[in-house]
Amino acid sequence: MFDSILGDVYGGIVLTIREWFDECLERNCTVFHFPPNRKPRIHVLSPGSVCLVLIKEGASRKD
């Protein structure tokens, strides 16, 4: 179903915390950098790809 609507456009889901999301909004972020040593398999994303950002409750791992 999505193939006929979106063609070859891929999307992603990003899980983060409220603190990161708020800071990103303040800075007008447009790029999400994944942590080192992660292999998120995002090679199919391209300009125009849409990412859904899900915010989880809780603090960052630093706390």
Protein backbone atom coordinates (compact mmCIF):
# COMPACT_ATOMS: atom_id res chain seq x y z
CA MET A 1 0.00 0.00 0.00
CA PHE A 2 2.74 2.49 0.91
CA ASP A 3 4.66 1.66 -2.29
CA SER A 4 1.91 3.08 -4.46
CA ILE A 5 1.52 6.19 -2.30
CA LEU A 6 5.15 6.98 -1.47
CA GLY A 7 7.05 5.34 -4.31
CA ASP A 8 10.62 4.57 -3.28
CA VAL A 9 10.70 6.96 -0.31
CA TYR A 10 11.77 5.34 2.96
CA GLY A 11 11.20 6.55 6.47
CA GLY A 12 12.51 5.89 9.94
CA ILE A 13 11.50 5.88 13.57
CA VAL A 14 13.71 7.64 16.13
CA LEU A 15 13.29 7.00 19.87
CA THR A 16 14.54 9.78 22.13
CA ILE A 17 13.88 11.60 25.39
CA ARG A 18 12.04 14.90 25.89
CA GLU A 19 15.26 16.72 26.90
CA TRP A 20 16.97 15.91 23.59
CA PHE A 21 13.88 16.78 21.57
CA ASP A 22 13.44 20.17 23.29
CA GLU A 23 17.12 21.04 22.74
CA CYS A 24 16.82 20.04 19.11
CA LEU A 25 13.81 22.32 18.62
CA GLU A 26 15.68 25.25 20.21
CA ARG A 27 18.60 24.74 17.81
CA ASN A 28 16.42 24.06 14.74
CA CYS A 29 18.11 20.67 14.24
CA THR A 30 17.69 18.98 10.89
CA VAL A 31 20.22 16.15 11.34
CA PHE A 32 20.14 13.27 13.80
CA HIS A 33 23.52 11.72 14.64
CA PHE A 34 23.45 8.15 15.90
CA PRO A 35 25.68 7.12 18.82
CA PRO A 36 29.13 5.70 17.99
CA ASN A 37 29.42 1.96 17.31
CA ARG A 38 25.77 1.72 16.24
CA LYS A 39 24.71 0.37 12.87
CA PRO A 40 21.20 1.76 12.40
CA ARG A 41 20.92 0.64 8.73
CA ILE A 42 19.81 4.05 7.51
CA HIS A 43 21.52 3.81 4.13
CA VAL A 44 18.14 3.86 2.36
CA LEU A 45 17.18 7.26 3.80
CA SER A 46 17.62 10.21 1.45
CA PRO A 47 16.53 13.84 1.18
CA GLY A 48 12.76 13.83 1.50
CA SER A 49 12.64 10.80 3.78
CA VAL A 50 10.39 11.26 6.79
CA CYS A 51 11.36 10.19 10.31
CA LEU A 52 8.81 9.77 13.07
CA VAL A 53 10.21 10.90 16.43
CA LEU A 54 8.86 9.04 19.47
CA ILE A 55 9.56 10.51 22.89
CA LYS A 56 9.95 8.16 25.84
CA GLU A 57 9.58 9.11 29.49
CA GLY A 58 12.65 9.19 31.67
CA ALA A 59 16.07 10.74 31.87
CA SER A 60 19.07 10.22 29.68
CA ARG A 61 21.58 7.47 30.47
CA LYS A 62 23.95 10.13 31.82
CA ASP A 63 21.78 10.65 34.92
